[in-house]
Amino acid sequence: MKNKLIISISATSVLFFACDDKNNNPVTEYDFSSILTNVSEKVITATYEDLHEKAETLLDAINELESNQTAEYHEAAKEAWRVCRSPWEQSEGFLFGPVSTAGIDPSIDSWPVNTVDLDAVLASADALTKDYIDGLEGTLKGFHTIEYLIWGTDGNKTVDDFTEREFEYLIAVTQSIEGAIDILFESWSPAHENFAANISNAGEAGSIYVSQKSAMQEIVNGMIAIADEVANGKINDPLSEGDITLEESRFSANSKSDFQDNIRSIENLFDGKYLTDEAGVSDFILSVDAELEQEVHDAIHNAIDAIGNIPGTFTDAIFINPDEVSAAQTAVRDLQTLLETEVKPIIDEL
């Protein structure tokens, strides 16, 4: 258990008032500096740094595959994609800042893949370079185009199925995503554009956040948004439509891992952890309502477990085990509701 933050009472402290509906104990004089600094630097920026390093490893694996066209190197490329995919999915609880305002997200994670136009590009005489791929629209680049090229439509592509042109595209598109991820990391990094300082210094001159409260609202709203997307988009759309083309990461059968990592992004923000475990949103909630803090932890773990309990691949489960898929959806919706109706109001009423 992390140490509860000490409430600082001083002339420079920001004065906040909140009221817990369950015990009516007011919260006064809470300084969010530790939470905001840790979340911005050791959760968000650290996640992007990890993603950046794994994108470089993915590019190395793709280059190795092109040079050594064997089943062994093909499997290594698949694993490098999965490993790189994880920190990206764990970043989806904070899709605010440059990833949104600078339009970086579509270059990394647009889906579904536009296979018709992709096939047309492959059949063309265009030079397949990073700059060329950078200029294409999102559904022709990013994680899912790489996934499609590595696994194929049915997930059973072998190394012998690759054409020379596909290898050219695969290398260029991986260079493109590595470049986009590099831009994203540098936009947050203190050594570069340092968007992280906006959150760390919320309420101070120079920050885009006029108060610590507004930065905390951004974080909590990000948690709610990804819970909503997983429950009511990523799970709901293929399940309700019975359409596997609406499923994210279906070529690699990585969908369940994607969804679990999305929920882990909520956990990381709530607990203030990624590679370290320090101050997070939970520290404040604990000071207000210890029961609610535990309820949120339980809801996070229930959602992750329920997704993991879906039998087999998500593709098969939406037809064979729809009850288990619906149970996972319900668990994620329960988490979303808890964040919306219990956690968010505490922050909004500060």
Foldseek 3Di string as FASTA:
>chain_A
DFDFDDQDDDPPFDWAWFAAPPPRDIDTRHDCLFALLLCLVFNQLVLLVQLLVLLVVLLVLLVVCVVPVAQVSLVVNLVSLLSSLLSVLLNQLQCDDCVPVVVLVLLADDDDAPVVVLVVVLPDPDQQALVVSLPDTSSCAHSNVLLCLSQNPQRPDGSVNDDPSSSSNNSSRSVNNSVSSVVVSQCCDPVHVNLSVLRSVACDPPHPHVHNLSSVLSSLVSLLVLLCCVLVQQLNPCLVVVDCRSHPSNSNLCRLSSNLSNLVSSVCQQQSHDPHTHDHVLSVVCVRPVVLSVVLVVLSVQLNVLSVPQPDGSNVCSPVPVVSSVSSSVSSVVNSCSSVPRVSVRSVND
